[in-house]
């Protein structure tokens, strides 16, 4: 199995919020290649104090270093050897393997598996497509015309959009409305 890493800067619309998001975000893509099939996974930096993260922050550089340590260890494995790969990763030092790196690899392996079977992941996992959650988007705090325009933009880009969250202030989630 071949594993390739690549960073990619994504442009996004920024909006005022307590976290002060920027208009650019760098993601790390991982590509697993075997038998002419490619599976893709992705990770972005994680800030601490989020649910389940505690005070851990994982930057793109941290995640890349973690994945680079894994790459040579994965060469002899087949993407379907999930338990063997999990045991290998479980045996690594916790500091050598970030949760974001492991998640990106997991995504790439699942993507590879779905492509190998020519099935979408929801079918592989036995999920009912009708019961999968709604597509949602966030509209930032603006004047009423700006909110109207941004809502129209979202509906043009994603016609199946079923839910919008409108940011109403700087007091965090308590002031948002769905």
C-alpha atoms as a PDB file:
ATOM      1  CA  UNK A   1       0.000   0.000   0.000  1.00  0.00           C
ATOM      2  CA  UNK A   2       1.350   3.418  -0.948  1.00  0.00           C
ATOM      3  CA  UNK A   3       0.497   6.454   1.161  1.00  0.00           C
ATOM      4  CA  UNK A   4       0.901  10.049  -0.039  1.00  0.00           C
ATOM      5  CA  UNK A   5       0.452  13.291   1.925  1.00  0.00           C
ATOM      6  CA  UNK A   6      -0.386  16.719   0.559  1.00  0.00           C
ATOM      7  CA  UNK A   7      -1.370  20.012   2.172  1.00  0.00           C
ATOM      8  CA  UNK A   8      -3.956  22.161   0.474  1.00  0.00           C
ATOM      9  CA  UNK A   9      -5.083  25.696   1.319  1.00  0.00           C
ATOM     10  CA  UNK A  10      -8.840  26.169   1.127  1.00  0.00           C
ATOM     11  CA  UNK A  11     -10.431  29.565   0.717  1.00  0.00           C
ATOM     12  CA  UNK A  12     -13.637  30.097   2.610  1.00  0.00           C
ATOM     13  CA  UNK A  13     -15.912  32.881   3.558  1.00  0.00           C
ATOM     14  CA  UNK A  14     -15.080  34.100   7.019  1.00  0.00           C
ATOM     15  CA  UNK A  15     -17.515  35.636   9.413  1.00  0.00           C
ATOM     16  CA  UNK A  16     -17.291  37.290  12.791  1.00  0.00           C
ATOM     17  CA  UNK A  17     -17.618  34.830  15.637  1.00  0.00           C
ATOM     18  CA  UNK A  18     -16.024  34.177  19.021  1.00  0.00           C
ATOM     19  CA  UNK A  19     -13.403  31.882  17.442  1.00  0.00           C
ATOM     20  CA  UNK A  20     -12.322  34.584  14.924  1.00  0.00           C
ATOM     21  CA  UNK A  21     -12.053  32.276  11.938  1.00  0.00           C
ATOM     22  CA  UNK A  22      -9.809  33.263   9.058  1.00  0.00           C
ATOM     23  CA  UNK A  23     -10.713  33.142   5.384  1.00  0.00           C
ATOM     24  CA  UNK A  24      -8.104  30.455   4.662  1.00  0.00           C
ATOM     25  CA  UNK A  25      -7.648  27.036   6.145  1.00  0.00           C
ATOM     26  CA  UNK A  26      -4.894  24.560   5.380  1.00  0.00           C
ATOM     27  CA  UNK A  27      -5.967  20.930   5.280  1.00  0.00           C
ATOM     28  CA  UNK A  28      -3.880  17.812   4.998  1.00  0.00           C
ATOM     29  CA  UNK A  29      -4.945  15.203   2.469  1.00  0.00           C
ATOM     30  CA  UNK A  30      -3.846  11.590   2.717  1.00  0.00           C
ATOM     31  CA  UNK A  31      -4.093   9.304  -0.304  1.00  0.00           C
ATOM     32  CA  UNK A  32      -3.948   5.524   0.084  1.00  0.00           C
ATOM     33  CA  UNK A  33      -3.144   3.750  -3.177  1.00  0.00           C
ATOM     34  CA  UNK A  34      -3.367   0.004  -3.834  1.00  0.00           C
ATOM     35  CA  UNK A  35      -4.386  -2.148  -6.826  1.00  0.00           C
ATOM     36  CA  UNK A  36      -4.944   0.980  -8.935  1.00  0.00           C
ATOM     37  CA  UNK A  37      -7.538   2.334  -6.491  1.00  0.00           C
ATOM     38  CA  UNK A  38      -7.096   5.533  -4.485  1.00  0.00           C
ATOM     39  CA  UNK A  39      -8.759   6.307  -1.179  1.00  0.00           C
ATOM     40  CA  UNK A  40      -8.686   9.846   0.162  1.00  0.00           C
ATOM     41  CA  UNK A  41      -8.826  11.166   3.717  1.00  0.00           C
ATOM     42  CA  UNK A  42      -8.487  14.675   5.081  1.00  0.00           C
ATOM     43  CA  UNK A  43      -7.689  16.423   8.319  1.00  0.00           C
ATOM     44  CA  UNK A  44      -7.593  19.995   9.501  1.00  0.00           C
ATOM     45  CA  UNK A  45      -6.037  21.467  12.612  1.00  0.00           C
ATOM     46  CA  UNK A  46      -7.918  21.029  15.862  1.00  0.00           C
ATOM     47  CA  UNK A  47      -8.017  23.486  18.726  1.00  0.00           C
ATOM     48  CA  UNK A  48      -8.253  22.328  22.315  1.00  0.00           C
ATOM     49  CA  UNK A  49     -11.248  22.876  24.583  1.00  0.00           C
ATOM     50  CA  UNK A  50     -13.648  21.299  22.111  1.00  0.00           C
ATOM     51  CA  UNK A  51     -15.844  18.435  23.230  1.00  0.00           C
ATOM     52  CA  UNK A  52     -13.712  15.350  23.676  1.00  0.00           C
ATOM     53  CA  UNK A  53     -10.408  17.086  22.889  1.00  0.00           C
ATOM     54  CA  UNK A  54      -9.612  18.423  26.315  1.00  0.00           C
ATOM     55  CA  UNK A  55      -6.797  20.934  26.051  1.00  0.00           C
ATOM     56  CA  UNK A  56      -5.079  19.209  23.124  1.00  0.00           C
ATOM     57  CA  UNK A  57      -4.337  21.271  20.033  1.00  0.00           C
ATOM     58  CA  UNK A  58      -3.275  19.499  16.834  1.00  0.00           C
ATOM     59  CA  UNK A  59      -1.783  21.724  14.149  1.00  0.00           C
ATOM     60  CA  UNK A  60      -1.427  20.687  10.508  1.00  0.00           C
ATOM     61  CA  UNK A  61       2.321  20.297  11.148  1.00  0.00           C
ATOM     62  CA  UNK A  62       1.634  17.992  14.132  1.00  0.00           C
ATOM     63  CA  UNK A  63      -0.765  15.888  12.067  1.00  0.00           C
ATOM     64  CA  UNK A  64       1.652  15.725   9.117  1.00  0.00           C
ATOM     65  CA  UNK A  65       4.537  14.624  11.378  1.00  0.00           C
ATOM     66  CA  UNK A  66       2.318  11.945  12.874  1.00  0.00           C
ATOM     67  CA  UNK A  67       1.260  10.656   9.454  1.00  0.00           C
ATOM     68  CA  UNK A  68       4.838  10.742   8.175  1.00  0.00           C
ATOM     69  CA  UNK A  69       5.816   8.416  11.029  1.00  0.00           C
ATOM     70  CA  UNK A  70       3.032   6.011  10.008  1.00  0.00           C
ATOM     71  CA  UNK A  71       3.698   5.951   6.244  1.00  0.00           C
ATOM     72  CA  UNK A  72       6.734   3.603   6.268  1.00  0.00           C
ATOM     73  CA  UNK A  73       4.947   1.241   8.665  1.00  0.00           C
ATOM     74  CA  UNK A  74       1.920   0.857   6.367  1.00  0.00           C
ATOM     75  CA  UNK A  75       3.726  -0.168   3.165  1.00  0.00           C
ATOM     76  CA  UNK A  76       3.374  -3.927   3.740  1.00  0.00           C
ATOM     77  CA  UNK A  77      -0.347  -3.790   4.577  1.00  0.00           C
ATOM     78  CA  UNK A  78      -3.378  -4.158   2.315  1.00  0.00           C
ATOM     79  CA  UNK A  79      -6.098  -1.511   2.867  1.00  0.00           C
ATOM     80  CA  UNK A  80      -8.580  -4.233   3.896  1.00  0.00           C
ATOM     81  CA  UNK A  81      -6.378  -5.351   6.811  1.00  0.00           C
ATOM     82  CA  UNK A  82      -8.133  -2.943   9.179  1.00  0.00           C
ATOM     83  CA  UNK A  83      -7.600  -4.957  12.387  1.00  0.00           C
ATOM     84  CA  UNK A  84      -3.894  -5.456  11.691  1.00  0.00           C
ATOM     85  CA  UNK A  85      -3.491  -1.760  10.921  1.00  0.00           C
ATOM     86  CA  UNK A  86      -5.417  -0.837  14.085  1.00  0.00           C
ATOM     87  CA  UNK A  87      -3.161  -3.097  16.198  1.00  0.00           C
ATOM     88  CA  UNK A  88      -0.096  -1.504  14.598  1.00  0.00           C
ATOM     89  CA  UNK A  89      -1.381   1.988  15.374  1.00  0.00           C
ATOM     90  CA  UNK A  90      -2.469   1.002  18.889  1.00  0.00           C
ATOM     91  CA  UNK A  91       1.119  -0.141  19.516  1.00  0.00           C
ATOM     92  CA  UNK A  92       2.610   3.259  18.654  1.00  0.00           C
ATOM     93  CA  UNK A  93       3.375   5.767  21.360  1.00  0.00           C
ATOM     94  CA  UNK A  94       0.416   8.065  21.981  1.00  0.00           C
ATOM     95  CA  UNK A  95       2.619  11.103  21.310  1.00  0.00           C
ATOM     96  CA  UNK A  96       3.618   9.677  17.920  1.00  0.00           C
ATOM     97  CA  UNK A  97       0.056   9.333  16.674  1.00  0.00           C
ATOM     98  CA  UNK A  98      -2.410  12.189  16.811  1.00  0.00           C
ATOM     99  CA  UNK A  99      -6.123  11.429  16.783  1.00  0.00           C
ATOM    100  CA  UNK A 100      -6.544  13.708  13.746  1.00  0.00           C
ATOM    101  CA  UNK A 101      -3.881  11.724  11.829  1.00  0.00           C
ATOM    102  CA  UNK A 102      -5.524   8.430  12.694  1.00  0.00           C
ATOM    103  CA  UNK A 103      -8.910   9.789  11.645  1.00  0.00           C
ATOM    104  CA  UNK A 104      -7.549  10.975   8.270  1.00  0.00           C
ATOM    105  CA  UNK A 105      -6.042   7.536   7.642  1.00  0.00           C
ATOM    106  CA  UNK A 106      -9.334   5.909   8.638  1.00  0.00           C
ATOM    107  CA  UNK A 107     -11.215   8.078   6.132  1.00  0.00           C
ATOM    108  CA  UNK A 108      -8.753   7.180   3.372  1.00  0.00           C
ATOM    109  CA  UNK A 109      -9.065   3.444   4.105  1.00  0.00           C
ATOM    110  CA  UNK A 110     -12.870   3.607   4.140  1.00  0.00           C
ATOM    111  CA  UNK A 111     -12.849   5.601   0.913  1.00  0.00           C
ATOM    112  CA  UNK A 112     -10.543   3.000  -0.685  1.00  0.00           C
ATOM    113  CA  UNK A 113     -12.818   0.179   0.480  1.00  0.00           C
ATOM    114  CA  UNK A 114     -15.943   1.844  -0.929  1.00  0.00           C
ATOM    115  CA  UNK A 115     -14.258   2.439  -4.264  1.00  0.00           C
ATOM    116  CA  UNK A 116     -12.932  -1.145  -4.363  1.00  0.00           C
ATOM    117  CA  UNK A 117     -16.476  -2.477  -3.872  1.00  0.00           C
ATOM    118  CA  UNK A 118     -18.028   0.237  -6.049  1.00  0.00           C
ATOM    119  CA  UNK A 119     -20.452   1.019  -3.246  1.00  0.00           C
ATOM    120  CA  UNK A 120     -21.150   4.219  -1.304  1.00  0.00           C
ATOM    121  CA  UNK A 121     -20.139   4.056   2.340  1.00  0.00           C
ATOM    122  CA  UNK A 122     -23.699   4.383   3.625  1.00  0.00           C
ATOM    123  CA  UNK A 123     -24.511   1.091   1.824  1.00  0.00           C
ATOM    124  CA  UNK A 124     -21.392  -0.654   3.145  1.00  0.00           C
ATOM    125  CA  UNK A 125     -22.318   0.406   6.679  1.00  0.00           C
ATOM    126  CA  UNK A 126     -25.926  -0.703   6.186  1.00  0.00           C
ATOM    127  CA  UNK A 127     -27.391   2.772   6.644  1.00  0.00           C
ATOM    128  CA  UNK A 128     -30.771   3.828   5.313  1.00  0.00           C
ATOM    129  CA  UNK A 129     -30.214   6.814   3.031  1.00  0.00           C
ATOM    130  CA  UNK A 130     -33.643   8.193   3.995  1.00  0.00           C
ATOM    131  CA  UNK A 131     -32.570   8.379   7.656  1.00  0.00           C
ATOM    132  CA  UNK A 132     -29.230  10.138   7.155  1.00  0.00           C
ATOM    133  CA  UNK A 133     -29.123  13.572   8.790  1.00  0.00           C
ATOM    134  CA  UNK A 134     -30.092  16.770   7.093  1.00  0.00           C
ATOM    135  CA  UNK A 135     -27.637  18.947   5.191  1.00  0.00           C
ATOM    136  CA  UNK A 136     -27.067  22.150   7.165  1.00  0.00           C
ATOM    137  CA  UNK A 137     -25.214  25.436   6.669  1.00  0.00           C
ATOM    138  CA  UNK A 138     -24.364  28.529   8.700  1.00  0.00           C
ATOM    139  CA  UNK A 139     -25.218  32.107   7.777  1.00  0.00           C
ATOM    140  CA  UNK A 140     -23.040  34.666   9.536  1.00  0.00           C
ATOM    141  CA  UNK A 141     -24.186  37.746  11.379  1.00  0.00           C
ATOM    142  CA  UNK A 142     -24.850  40.539   8.842  1.00  0.00           C
ATOM    143  CA  UNK A 143     -27.439  43.118   8.001  1.00  0.00           C
ATOM    144  CA  UNK A 144     -30.768  41.673   6.829  1.00  0.00           C
ATOM    145  CA  UNK A 145     -29.898  42.086   3.112  1.00  0.00           C
ATOM    146  CA  UNK A 146     -26.574  40.293   3.662  1.00  0.00           C
ATOM    147  CA  UNK A 147     -28.343  37.411   5.415  1.00  0.00           C
ATOM    148  CA  UNK A 148     -30.859  37.210   2.555  1.00  0.00           C
ATOM    149  CA  UNK A 149     -28.069  37.188  -0.070  1.00  0.00           C
ATOM    150  CA  UNK A 150     -25.983  34.571   1.754  1.00  0.00           C
ATOM    151  CA  UNK A 151     -29.039  32.354   2.264  1.00  0.00           C
ATOM    152  CA  UNK A 152     -29.787  32.598  -1.460  1.00  0.00           C
ATOM    153  CA  UNK A 153     -26.124  31.677  -2.183  1.00  0.00           C
ATOM    154  CA  UNK A 154     -26.373  28.580   0.009  1.00  0.00           C
ATOM    155  CA  UNK A 155     -29.619  27.454  -1.588  1.00  0.00           C
ATOM    156  CA  UNK A 156     -28.119  27.901  -5.057  1.00  0.00           C
ATOM    157  CA  UNK A 157     -25.002  25.902  -4.142  1.00  0.00           C
ATOM    158  CA  UNK A 158     -26.831  23.167  -2.212  1.00  0.00           C
ATOM    159  CA  UNK A 159     -30.452  22.828  -3.401  1.00  0.00           C
ATOM    160  CA  UNK A 160     -31.127  19.971  -0.945  1.00  0.00           C
ATOM    161  CA  UNK A 161     -30.202  22.210   2.013  1.00  0.00           C
ATOM    162  CA  UNK A 162     -32.711  21.563   4.762  1.00  0.00           C
ATOM    163  CA  UNK A 163     -31.426  23.578   7.684  1.00  0.00           C
ATOM    164  CA  UNK A 164     -29.719  26.947   8.241  1.00  0.00           C
ATOM    165  CA  UNK A 165     -28.077  28.197  11.425  1.00  0.00           C
ATOM    166  CA  UNK A 166     -28.083  31.989  11.628  1.00  0.00           C
ATOM    167  CA  UNK A 167     -25.370  33.582  13.789  1.00  0.00           C
ATOM    168  CA  UNK A 168     -27.088  36.274  15.845  1.00  0.00           C
ATOM    169  CA  UNK A 169     -24.321  37.576  18.068  1.00  0.00           C
ATOM    170  CA  UNK A 170     -20.967  37.196  19.736  1.00  0.00           C
ATOM    171  CA  UNK A 171     -22.261  35.315  22.793  1.00  0.00           C
ATOM    172  CA  UNK A 172     -21.559  31.932  21.236  1.00  0.00           C
ATOM    173  CA  UNK A 173     -23.987  29.117  20.623  1.00  0.00           C
ATOM    174  CA  UNK A 174     -26.578  30.500  23.068  1.00  0.00           C
ATOM    175  CA  UNK A 175     -27.438  33.304  20.670  1.00  0.00           C
ATOM    176  CA  UNK A 176     -27.604  31.233  17.467  1.00  0.00           C
ATOM    177  CA  UNK A 177     -30.896  30.178  15.895  1.00  0.00           C
ATOM    178  CA  UNK A 178     -31.715  27.183  13.690  1.00  0.00           C
END
